């Protein structure tokens, strides 16, 4: 992280970097560092243009599952047979005319 964020090509841009350290588990000292009341859970360090996150694989998978479920719920579309038939009819007419 330090090597990348101090490179002149990257350090003098308006880009905000998010670095992730992903592990299977961490000890109590890391837990205390990433569980502060003044920042989001998982943030170990912040700077002018970066944030360092520490997460376990289990946390990553849970968050991904939650986002996936949210998107699935939002994309549920119920279309009646009548609507489907009407749309097919419209498309058929457009193809035949075209």
PDB file of N, CA and C in Angstrom:
ATOM      1  N   UNK A   1       0.823  -1.179   0.000  1.00  0.00           N
ATOM      2  CA  UNK A   1       0.000   0.000   0.000  1.00  0.00           C
ATOM      3  C   UNK A   1       0.874   1.252   0.000  1.00  0.00           C
ATOM      4  N   UNK A   2       1.847   1.298   0.881  1.00  0.00           N
ATOM      5  CA  UNK A   2       2.699   2.491   0.961  1.00  0.00           C
ATOM      6  C   UNK A   2       3.500   2.699  -0.317  1.00  0.00           C
ATOM      7  N   UNK A   3       3.998   1.624  -0.897  1.00  0.00           N
ATOM      8  CA  UNK A   3       4.764   1.745  -2.139  1.00  0.00           C
ATOM      9  C   UNK A   3       3.903   2.329  -3.244  1.00  0.00           C
ATOM     10  N   UNK A   4       2.677   1.896  -3.340  1.00  0.00           N
ATOM     11  CA  UNK A   4       1.801   2.371  -4.400  1.00  0.00           C
ATOM     12  C   UNK A   4       1.340   3.811  -4.171  1.00  0.00           C
ATOM     13  N   UNK A   5       0.910   4.110  -2.966  1.00  0.00           N
ATOM     14  CA  UNK A   5       0.342   5.443  -2.728  1.00  0.00           C
ATOM     15  C   UNK A   5       1.382   6.554  -2.747  1.00  0.00           C
ATOM     16  N   UNK A   6       2.671   6.221  -2.618  1.00  0.00           N
ATOM     17  CA  UNK A   6       3.713   7.245  -2.665  1.00  0.00           C
ATOM     18  C   UNK A   6       4.331   7.413  -4.050  1.00  0.00           C
ATOM     19  N   UNK A   7       3.929   6.593  -4.999  1.00  0.00           N
ATOM     20  CA  UNK A   7       4.433   6.740  -6.371  1.00  0.00           C
ATOM     21  C   UNK A   7       3.939   8.068  -6.952  1.00  0.00           C
ATOM     22  N   UNK A   8       4.814   8.837  -7.574  1.00  0.00           N
ATOM     23  CA  UNK A   8       4.396  10.127  -8.145  1.00  0.00           C
ATOM     24  C   UNK A   8       3.231  10.000  -9.129  1.00  0.00           C
ATOM     25  N   UNK A   9       3.194   8.885  -9.872  1.00  0.00           N
ATOM     26  CA  UNK A   9       2.112   8.688 -10.842  1.00  0.00           C
ATOM     27  C   UNK A   9       0.752   8.605 -10.161  1.00  0.00           C
ATOM     28  N   UNK A  10       0.720   8.171  -8.910  1.00  0.00           N
ATOM     29  CA  UNK A  10      -0.531   7.969  -8.203  1.00  0.00           C
ATOM     30  C   UNK A  10      -0.768   8.976  -7.083  1.00  0.00           C
ATOM     31  N   UNK A  11       0.298   9.504  -6.519  1.00  0.00           N
ATOM     32  CA  UNK A  11       0.147  10.339  -5.325  1.00  0.00           C
ATOM     33  C   UNK A  11      -0.334  11.753  -5.629  1.00  0.00           C
ATOM     34  N   UNK A  12      -0.207  12.203  -6.842  1.00  0.00           N
ATOM     35  CA  UNK A  12      -0.592  13.578  -7.181  1.00  0.00           C
ATOM     36  C   UNK A  12      -1.824  13.614  -8.085  1.00  0.00           C
ATOM     37  N   UNK A  13      -2.779  12.777  -7.780  1.00  0.00           N
ATOM     38  CA  UNK A  13      -4.038  12.759  -8.538  1.00  0.00           C
ATOM     39  C   UNK A  13      -5.188  12.982  -7.563  1.00  0.00           C
ATOM     40  N   UNK A  14      -6.353  13.168  -8.098  1.00  0.00           N
ATOM     41  CA  UNK A  14      -7.532  13.336  -7.237  1.00  0.00           C
ATOM     42  C   UNK A  14      -8.186  11.994  -6.909  1.00  0.00           C
ATOM     43  N   UNK A  15      -7.543  10.918  -7.300  1.00  0.00           N
ATOM     44  CA  UNK A  15      -8.072   9.582  -7.047  1.00  0.00           C
ATOM     45  C   UNK A  15      -8.033   9.255  -5.565  1.00  0.00           C
ATOM     46  N   UNK A  16      -9.084   8.635  -5.082  1.00  0.00           N
ATOM     47  CA  UNK A  16      -9.129   8.150  -3.694  1.00  0.00           C
ATOM     48  C   UNK A  16      -8.951   6.640  -3.750  1.00  0.00           C
ATOM     49  N   UNK A  17      -7.951   6.124  -3.054  1.00  0.00           N
ATOM     50  CA  UNK A  17      -7.610   4.708  -3.092  1.00  0.00           C
ATOM     51  C   UNK A  17      -8.251   3.964  -1.924  1.00  0.00           C
ATOM     52  N   UNK A  18      -8.677   2.745  -2.188  1.00  0.00           N
ATOM     53  CA  UNK A  18      -9.173   1.842  -1.140  1.00  0.00           C
ATOM     54  C   UNK A  18      -8.345   0.566  -1.232  1.00  0.00           C
ATOM     55  N   UNK A  19      -7.564   0.321  -0.202  1.00  0.00           N
ATOM     56  CA  UNK A  19      -6.743  -0.880  -0.131  1.00  0.00           C
ATOM     57  C   UNK A  19      -7.418  -1.848   0.832  1.00  0.00           C
ATOM     58  N   UNK A  20      -7.394  -3.136   0.489  1.00  0.00           N
ATOM     59  CA  UNK A  20      -8.020  -4.156   1.323  1.00  0.00           C
ATOM     60  C   UNK A  20      -7.001  -5.202   1.711  1.00  0.00           C
ATOM     61  N   UNK A  21      -6.921  -5.468   3.002  1.00  0.00           N
ATOM     62  CA  UNK A  21      -6.154  -6.581   3.524  1.00  0.00           C
ATOM     63  C   UNK A  21      -7.187  -7.618   3.929  1.00  0.00           C
ATOM     64  N   UNK A  22      -7.180  -8.745   3.245  1.00  0.00           N
ATOM     65  CA  UNK A  22      -8.186  -9.779   3.499  1.00  0.00           C
ATOM     66  C   UNK A  22      -7.489 -10.994   4.074  1.00  0.00           C
ATOM     67  N   UNK A  23      -8.039 -11.499   5.160  1.00  0.00           N
ATOM     68  CA  UNK A  23      -7.421 -12.601   5.889  1.00  0.00           C
ATOM     69  C   UNK A  23      -8.485 -13.570   6.369  1.00  0.00           C
ATOM     70  N   UNK A  24      -8.061 -14.707   6.865  1.00  0.00           N
ATOM     71  CA  UNK A  24      -9.034 -15.657   7.402  1.00  0.00           C
ATOM     72  C   UNK A  24      -9.430 -15.289   8.825  1.00  0.00           C
ATOM     73  N   UNK A  25      -8.518 -14.637   9.552  1.00  0.00           N
ATOM     74  CA  UNK A  25      -8.823 -14.170  10.907  1.00  0.00           C
ATOM     75  C   UNK A  25      -7.803 -13.121  11.318  1.00  0.00           C
ATOM     76  N   UNK A  26      -8.129 -12.389  12.385  1.00  0.00           N
ATOM     77  CA  UNK A  26      -7.185 -11.407  12.919  1.00  0.00           C
ATOM     78  C   UNK A  26      -7.266 -11.436  14.439  1.00  0.00           C
ATOM     79  N   UNK A  27      -6.239 -10.876  15.076  1.00  0.00           N
ATOM     80  CA  UNK A  27      -6.168 -10.934  16.537  1.00  0.00           C
ATOM     81  C   UNK A  27      -6.882  -9.739  17.172  1.00  0.00           C
ATOM     82  N   UNK A  28      -6.871  -9.705  18.507  1.00  0.00           N
ATOM     83  CA  UNK A  28      -7.590  -8.665  19.255  1.00  0.00           C
ATOM     84  C   UNK A  28      -7.066  -7.259  18.987  1.00  0.00           C
ATOM     85  N   UNK A  29      -5.766  -7.120  18.741  1.00  0.00           N
ATOM     86  CA  UNK A  29      -5.218  -5.785  18.490  1.00  0.00           C
ATOM     87  C   UNK A  29      -5.736  -5.228  17.156  1.00  0.00           C
ATOM     88  N   UNK A  30      -5.854  -6.087  16.152  1.00  0.00           N
ATOM     89  CA  UNK A  30      -6.413  -5.650  14.871  1.00  0.00           C
ATOM     90  C   UNK A  30      -7.898  -5.356  15.043  1.00  0.00           C
ATOM     91  N   UNK A  31      -8.596  -6.204  15.776  1.00  0.00           N
ATOM     92  CA  UNK A  31     -10.029  -5.992  16.041  1.00  0.00           C
ATOM     93  C   UNK A  31     -10.259  -4.624  16.678  1.00  0.00           C
ATOM     94  N   UNK A  32      -9.428  -4.278  17.642  1.00  0.00           N
ATOM     95  CA  UNK A  32      -9.571  -2.976  18.300  1.00  0.00           C
ATOM     96  C   UNK A  32      -9.301  -1.826  17.326  1.00  0.00           C
ATOM     97  N   UNK A  33      -8.368  -2.019  16.443  1.00  0.00           N
ATOM     98  CA  UNK A  33      -8.010  -0.963  15.493  1.00  0.00           C
ATOM     99  C   UNK A  33      -9.075  -0.749  14.416  1.00  0.00           C
ATOM    100  N   UNK A  34      -9.752  -1.813  14.018  1.00  0.00           N
ATOM    101  CA  UNK A  34     -10.736  -1.693  12.935  1.00  0.00           C
ATOM    102  C   UNK A  34     -12.154  -1.512  13.453  1.00  0.00           C
ATOM    103  N   UNK A  35     -12.294  -1.371  14.739  1.00  0.00           N
ATOM    104  CA  UNK A  35     -13.621  -1.202  15.336  1.00  0.00           C
ATOM    105  C   UNK A  35     -13.622   0.077  16.182  1.00  0.00           C
ATOM    106  N   UNK A  36     -13.514   1.218  15.508  1.00  0.00           N
ATOM    107  CA  UNK A  36     -13.475   2.517  16.175  1.00  0.00           C
ATOM    108  C   UNK A  36     -14.821   3.220  15.998  1.00  0.00           C
ATOM    109  N   UNK A  37     -15.219   4.005  16.981  1.00  0.00           N
ATOM    110  CA  UNK A  37     -16.524   4.670  16.926  1.00  0.00           C
ATOM    111  C   UNK A  37     -16.575   5.801  15.898  1.00  0.00           C
ATOM    112  N   UNK A  38     -15.423   6.331  15.496  1.00  0.00           N
ATOM    113  CA  UNK A  38     -15.416   7.472  14.576  1.00  0.00           C
ATOM    114  C   UNK A  38     -15.272   7.087  13.105  1.00  0.00           C
ATOM    115  N   UNK A  39     -15.322   5.792  12.793  1.00  0.00           N
ATOM    116  CA  UNK A  39     -15.189   5.363  11.399  1.00  0.00           C
ATOM    117  C   UNK A  39     -15.881   4.025  11.173  1.00  0.00           C
ATOM    118  N   UNK A  40     -16.064   3.708   9.903  1.00  0.00           N
ATOM    119  CA  UNK A  40     -16.758   2.473   9.542  1.00  0.00           C
ATOM    120  C   UNK A  40     -15.976   1.259  10.017  1.00  0.00           C
ATOM    121  N   UNK A  41     -16.712   0.221  10.395  1.00  0.00           N
ATOM    122  CA  UNK A  41     -16.059  -1.016  10.836  1.00  0.00           C
ATOM    123  C   UNK A  41     -15.205  -1.581   9.697  1.00  0.00           C
ATOM    124  N   UNK A  42     -13.988  -1.919  10.021  1.00  0.00           N
ATOM    125  CA  UNK A  42     -13.071  -2.476   9.033  1.00  0.00           C
ATOM    126  C   UNK A  42     -11.988  -1.503   8.601  1.00  0.00           C
ATOM    127  N   UNK A  43     -12.175  -0.205   8.863  1.00  0.00           N
ATOM    128  CA  UNK A  43     -11.176   0.790   8.460  1.00  0.00           C
ATOM    129  C   UNK A  43     -10.042   0.777   9.482  1.00  0.00           C
ATOM    130  N   UNK A  44      -8.840   0.449   8.991  1.00  0.00           N
ATOM    131  CA  UNK A  44      -7.670   0.403   9.869  1.00  0.00           C
ATOM    132  C   UNK A  44      -6.883   1.704   9.830  1.00  0.00           C
ATOM    133  N   UNK A  45      -6.910   2.378   8.666  1.00  0.00           N
ATOM    134  CA  UNK A  45      -6.100   3.585   8.517  1.00  0.00           C
ATOM    135  C   UNK A  45      -6.697   4.434   7.400  1.00  0.00           C
ATOM    136  N   UNK A  46      -6.627   5.732   7.567  1.00  0.00           N
ATOM    137  CA  UNK A  46      -7.063   6.645   6.506  1.00  0.00           C
ATOM    138  C   UNK A  46      -5.996   7.714   6.303  1.00  0.00           C
ATOM    139  N   UNK A  47      -5.960   8.237   5.111  1.00  0.00           N
ATOM    140  CA  UNK A  47      -5.034   9.312   4.779  1.00  0.00           C
ATOM    141  C   UNK A  47      -5.724  10.280   3.845  1.00  0.00           C
ATOM    142  N   UNK A  48      -4.958  11.221   3.313  1.00  0.00           N
ATOM    143  CA  UNK A  48      -5.532  12.237   2.427  1.00  0.00           C
ATOM    144  C   UNK A  48      -6.235  11.633   1.224  1.00  0.00           C
ATOM    145  N   UNK A  49      -5.664  10.573   0.661  1.00  0.00           N
ATOM    146  CA  UNK A  49      -6.256  10.011  -0.549  1.00  0.00           C
ATOM    147  C   UNK A  49      -6.405   8.488  -0.496  1.00  0.00           C
ATOM    148  N   UNK A  50      -6.453   7.925   0.701  1.00  0.00           N
ATOM    149  CA  UNK A  50      -6.584   6.473   0.781  1.00  0.00           C
ATOM    150  C   UNK A  50      -7.293   6.033   2.054  1.00  0.00           C
ATOM    151  N   UNK A  51      -7.808   4.822   1.976  1.00  0.00           N
ATOM    152  CA  UNK A  51      -8.375   4.132   3.132  1.00  0.00           C
ATOM    153  C   UNK A  51      -7.866   2.700   3.089  1.00  0.00           C
ATOM    154  N   UNK A  52      -7.410   2.209   4.228  1.00  0.00           N
ATOM    155  CA  UNK A  52      -6.974   0.823   4.347  1.00  0.00           C
ATOM    156  C   UNK A  52      -8.035   0.061   5.132  1.00  0.00           C
ATOM    157  N   UNK A  53      -8.596  -0.968   4.519  1.00  0.00           N
ATOM    158  CA  UNK A  53      -9.618  -1.807   5.130  1.00  0.00           C
ATOM    159  C   UNK A  53      -9.005  -3.151   5.509  1.00  0.00           C
ATOM    160  N   UNK A  54      -9.444  -3.719   6.621  1.00  0.00           N
ATOM    161  CA  UNK A  54      -9.067  -5.075   7.012  1.00  0.00           C
ATOM    162  C   UNK A  54     -10.359  -5.850   7.195  1.00  0.00           C
ATOM    163  N   UNK A  55     -10.479  -6.948   6.469  1.00  0.00           N
ATOM    164  CA  UNK A  55     -11.692  -7.766   6.541  1.00  0.00           C
ATOM    165  C   UNK A  55     -11.314  -9.233   6.459  1.00  0.00           C
ATOM    166  N   UNK A  56     -12.188 -10.062   6.988  1.00  0.00           N
ATOM    167  CA  UNK A  56     -11.996 -11.499   6.829  1.00  0.00           C
ATOM    168  C   UNK A  56     -12.732 -11.946   5.563  1.00  0.00           C
ATOM    169  N   UNK A  57     -12.360 -13.124   5.079  1.00  0.00           N
ATOM    170  CA  UNK A  57     -13.067 -13.675   3.921  1.00  0.00           C
ATOM    171  C   UNK A  57     -14.547 -13.838   4.235  1.00  0.00           C
ATOM    172  N   UNK A  58     -14.859 -14.240   5.459  1.00  0.00           N
ATOM    173  CA  UNK A  58     -16.262 -14.420   5.850  1.00  0.00           C
ATOM    174  C   UNK A  58     -17.030 -13.103   5.747  1.00  0.00           C
ATOM    175  N   UNK A  59     -16.416 -12.006   6.181  1.00  0.00           N
ATOM    176  CA  UNK A  59     -17.064 -10.687   6.084  1.00  0.00           C
ATOM    177  C   UNK A  59     -17.282 -10.292   4.623  1.00  0.00           C
ATOM    178  N   UNK A  60     -16.284 -10.528   3.790  1.00  0.00           N
ATOM    179  CA  UNK A  60     -16.395 -10.209   2.362  1.00  0.00           C
ATOM    180  C   UNK A  60     -17.543 -11.001   1.742  1.00  0.00           C
ATOM    181  N   UNK A  61     -17.611 -12.288   2.038  1.00  0.00           N
ATOM    182  CA  UNK A  61     -18.666 -13.126   1.465  1.00  0.00           C
ATOM    183  C   UNK A  61     -20.049 -12.723   1.968  1.00  0.00           C
ATOM    184  N   UNK A  62     -20.166 -12.411   3.259  1.00  0.00           N
ATOM    185  CA  UNK A  62     -21.463 -11.968   3.798  1.00  0.00           C
ATOM    186  C   UNK A  62     -21.917 -10.672   3.140  1.00  0.00           C
ATOM    187  N   UNK A  63     -21.008  -9.717   3.006  1.00  0.00           N
ATOM    188  CA  UNK A  63     -21.351  -8.446   2.363  1.00  0.00           C
ATOM    189  C   UNK A  63     -21.743  -8.652   0.903  1.00  0.00           C
ATOM    190  N   UNK A  64     -21.021  -9.529   0.208  1.00  0.00           N
ATOM    191  CA  UNK A  64     -21.339  -9.811  -1.194  1.00  0.00           C
ATOM    192  C   UNK A  64     -22.700 -10.476  -1.315  1.00  0.00           C
ATOM    193  N   UNK A  65     -22.974 -11.424  -0.429  1.00  0.00           N
ATOM    194  CA  UNK A  65     -24.276 -12.095  -0.438  1.00  0.00           C
ATOM    195  C   UNK A  65     -25.402 -11.104  -0.178  1.00  0.00           C
ATOM    196  N   UNK A  66     -25.185 -10.188   0.750  1.00  0.00           N
ATOM    197  CA  UNK A  66     -26.213  -9.195   1.074  1.00  0.00           C
ATOM    198  C   UNK A  66     -26.463  -8.275  -0.127  1.00  0.00           C
ATOM    199  N   UNK A  67     -25.402  -7.824  -0.801  1.00  0.00           N
ATOM    200  CA  UNK A  67     -25.571  -6.979  -1.987  1.00  0.00           C
ATOM    201  C   UNK A  67     -26.264  -7.745  -3.107  1.00  0.00           C
ATOM    202  N   UNK A  68     -25.869  -9.001  -3.291  1.00  0.00           N
ATOM    203  CA  UNK A  68     -26.473  -9.838  -4.322  1.00  0.00           C
ATOM    204  C   UNK A  68     -27.967 -10.025  -4.051  1.00  0.00           C
ATOM    205  N   UNK A  69     -28.324 -10.284  -2.817  1.00  0.00           N
ATOM    206  CA  UNK A  69     -29.731 -10.464  -2.458  1.00  0.00           C
ATOM    207  C   UNK A  69     -30.517  -9.176  -2.679  1.00  0.00           C
ATOM    208  N   UNK A  70     -29.939  -8.053  -2.323  1.00  0.00           N
ATOM    209  CA  UNK A  70     -30.595  -6.756  -2.522  1.00  0.00           C
ATOM    210  C   UNK A  70     -30.885  -6.536  -4.008  1.00  0.00           C
ATOM    211  N   UNK A  71     -29.887  -6.790  -4.846  1.00  0.00           N
ATOM    212  CA  UNK A  71     -30.069  -6.602  -6.286  1.00  0.00           C
ATOM    213  C   UNK A  71     -31.105  -7.575  -6.825  1.00  0.00           C
ATOM    214  N   UNK A  72     -31.049  -8.815  -6.375  1.00  0.00           N
ATOM    215  CA  UNK A  72     -32.046  -9.800  -6.820  1.00  0.00           C
ATOM    216  C   UNK A  72     -33.451  -9.347  -6.452  1.00  0.00           C
ATOM    217  N   UNK A  73     -33.626  -8.859  -5.240  1.00  0.00           N
ATOM    218  CA  UNK A  73     -34.943  -8.400  -4.794  1.00  0.00           C
ATOM    219  C   UNK A  73     -35.429  -7.225  -5.637  1.00  0.00           C
ATOM    220  N   UNK A  74     -34.529  -6.315  -5.982  1.00  0.00           N
ATOM    221  CA  UNK A  74     -34.910  -5.146  -6.775  1.00  0.00           C
ATOM    222  C   UNK A  74     -35.221  -5.508  -8.228  1.00  0.00           C
ATOM    223  N   UNK A  75     -34.617  -6.574  -8.724  1.00  0.00           N
ATOM    224  CA  UNK A  75     -34.808  -6.960 -10.115  1.00  0.00           C
ATOM    225  C   UNK A  75     -35.984  -7.906 -10.343  1.00  0.00           C
ATOM    226  N   UNK A  76     -36.632  -8.311  -9.281  1.00  0.00           N
ATOM    227  CA  UNK A  76     -37.774  -9.214  -9.455  1.00  0.00           C
ATOM    228  C   UNK A  76     -38.883  -8.476 -10.200  1.00  0.00           C
ATOM    229  N   UNK A  77     -39.170  -8.978 -11.354  1.00  0.00           N
ATOM    230  CA  UNK A  77     -40.201  -8.369 -12.187  1.00  0.00           C
ATOM    231  C   UNK A  77     -41.214  -9.454 -12.512  1.00  0.00           C
ATOM    232  N   UNK A  78     -42.449  -9.150 -12.249  1.00  0.00           N
ATOM    233  CA  UNK A  78     -43.498 -10.099 -12.584  1.00  0.00           C
ATOM    234  C   UNK A  78     -44.231  -9.584 -13.811  1.00  0.00           C
ATOM    235  N   UNK A  79     -44.206 -10.383 -14.858  1.00  0.00           N
ATOM    236  CA  UNK A  79     -44.847 -10.019 -16.109  1.00  0.00           C
ATOM    237  C   UNK A  79     -45.924 -11.063 -16.394  1.00  0.00           C
ATOM    238  N   UNK A  80     -47.112 -10.572 -16.689  1.00  0.00           N
ATOM    239  CA  UNK A  80     -48.220 -11.498 -16.950  1.00  0.00           C
ATOM    240  C   UNK A  80     -48.100 -12.089 -18.352  1.00  0.00           C
ATOM    241  N   UNK A  81     -48.811 -13.190 -18.584  1.00  0.00           N
ATOM    242  CA  UNK A  81     -48.838 -13.811 -19.901  1.00  0.00           C
ATOM    243  C   UNK A  81     -49.400 -12.851 -20.945  1.00  0.00           C
ATOM    244  N   UNK A  82     -50.365 -12.046 -20.539  1.00  0.00           N
ATOM    245  CA  UNK A  82     -50.962 -11.070 -21.454  1.00  0.00           C
ATOM    246  C   UNK A  82     -49.910 -10.047 -21.893  1.00  0.00           C
ATOM    247  N   UNK A  83     -49.110  -9.558 -20.939  1.00  0.00           N
ATOM    248  CA  UNK A  83     -48.052  -8.607 -21.273  1.00  0.00           C
ATOM    249  C   UNK A  83     -47.015  -9.228 -22.205  1.00  0.00           C
ATOM    250  N   UNK A  84     -46.668 -10.476 -21.952  1.00  0.00           N
ATOM    251  CA  UNK A  84     -45.691 -11.174 -22.794  1.00  0.00           C
ATOM    252  C   UNK A  84     -46.244 -11.328 -24.209  1.00  0.00           C
ATOM    253  N   UNK A  85     -47.489 -11.778 -24.314  1.00  0.00           N
ATOM    254  CA  UNK A  85     -48.104 -11.953 -25.635  1.00  0.00           C
ATOM    255  C   UNK A  85     -48.179 -10.634 -26.388  1.00  0.00           C
ATOM    256  N   UNK A  86     -48.520  -9.548 -25.682  1.00  0.00           N
ATOM    257  CA  UNK A  86     -48.600  -8.238 -26.319  1.00  0.00           C
ATOM    258  C   UNK A  86     -47.232  -7.799 -26.825  1.00  0.00           C
ATOM    259  N   UNK A  87     -46.204  -8.013 -26.053  1.00  0.00           N
ATOM    260  CA  UNK A  87     -44.845  -7.623 -26.448  1.00  0.00           C
ATOM    261  C   UNK A  87     -44.373  -8.448 -27.642  1.00  0.00           C
ATOM    262  N   UNK A  88     -44.657  -9.731 -27.639  1.00  0.00           N
ATOM    263  CA  UNK A  88     -44.295 -10.596 -28.773  1.00  0.00           C
ATOM    264  C   UNK A  88     -45.012 -10.127 -30.034  1.00  0.00           C
ATOM    265  N   UNK A  89     -46.272  -9.790 -29.883  1.00  0.00           N
ATOM    266  CA  UNK A  89     -47.047  -9.301 -31.024  1.00  0.00           C
ATOM    267  C   UNK A  89     -46.438  -8.007 -31.576  1.00  0.00           C
ATOM    268  N   UNK A  90     -46.048  -7.085 -30.703  1.00  0.00           N
ATOM    269  CA  UNK A  90     -45.422  -5.836 -31.139  1.00  0.00           C
ATOM    270  C   UNK A  90     -44.113  -6.110 -31.881  1.00  0.00           C
ATOM    271  N   UNK A  91     -43.300  -6.980 -31.321  1.00  0.00           N
ATOM    272  CA  UNK A  91     -42.023  -7.298 -31.950  1.00  0.00           C
ATOM    273  C   UNK A  91     -42.224  -7.983 -33.298  1.00  0.00           C
ATOM    274  N   UNK A  92     -43.210  -8.872 -33.369  1.00  0.00           N
ATOM    275  CA  UNK A  92     -43.495  -9.567 -34.619  1.00  0.00           C
ATOM    276  C   UNK A  92     -43.913  -8.580 -35.703  1.00  0.00           C
ATOM    277  N   UNK A  93     -44.792  -7.650 -35.343  1.00  0.00           N
ATOM    278  CA  UNK A  93     -45.243  -6.632 -36.301  1.00  0.00           C
ATOM    279  C   UNK A  93     -44.065  -5.769 -36.760  1.00  0.00           C
ATOM    280  N   UNK A  94     -43.184  -5.415 -35.848  1.00  0.00           N
ATOM    281  CA  UNK A  94     -42.023  -4.583 -36.199  1.00  0.00           C
ATOM    282  C   UNK A  94     -41.087  -5.319 -37.152  1.00  0.00           C
ATOM    283  N   UNK A  95     -40.903  -6.598 -36.936  1.00  0.00           N
ATOM    284  CA  UNK A  95     -40.015  -7.394 -37.784  1.00  0.00           C
ATOM    285  C   UNK A  95     -40.629  -7.581 -39.167  1.00  0.00           C
ATOM    286  N   UNK A  96     -41.931  -7.857 -39.202  1.00  0.00           N
ATOM    287  CA  UNK A  96     -42.599  -8.089 -40.485  1.00  0.00           C
ATOM    288  C   UNK A  96     -42.628  -6.822 -41.315  1.00  0.00           C
ATOM    289  N   UNK A  97     -42.855  -5.672 -40.671  1.00  0.00           N
ATOM    290  CA  UNK A  97     -42.890  -4.389 -41.394  1.00  0.00           C
ATOM    291  C   UNK A  97     -41.489  -3.991 -41.846  1.00  0.00           C
ATOM    292  N   UNK A  98     -40.492  -4.303 -41.020  1.00  0.00           N
ATOM    293  CA  UNK A  98     -39.125  -3.854 -41.270  1.00  0.00           C
ATOM    294  C   UNK A  98     -38.508  -4.550 -42.398  1.00  0.00           C
TER     295      UNK A  98
END
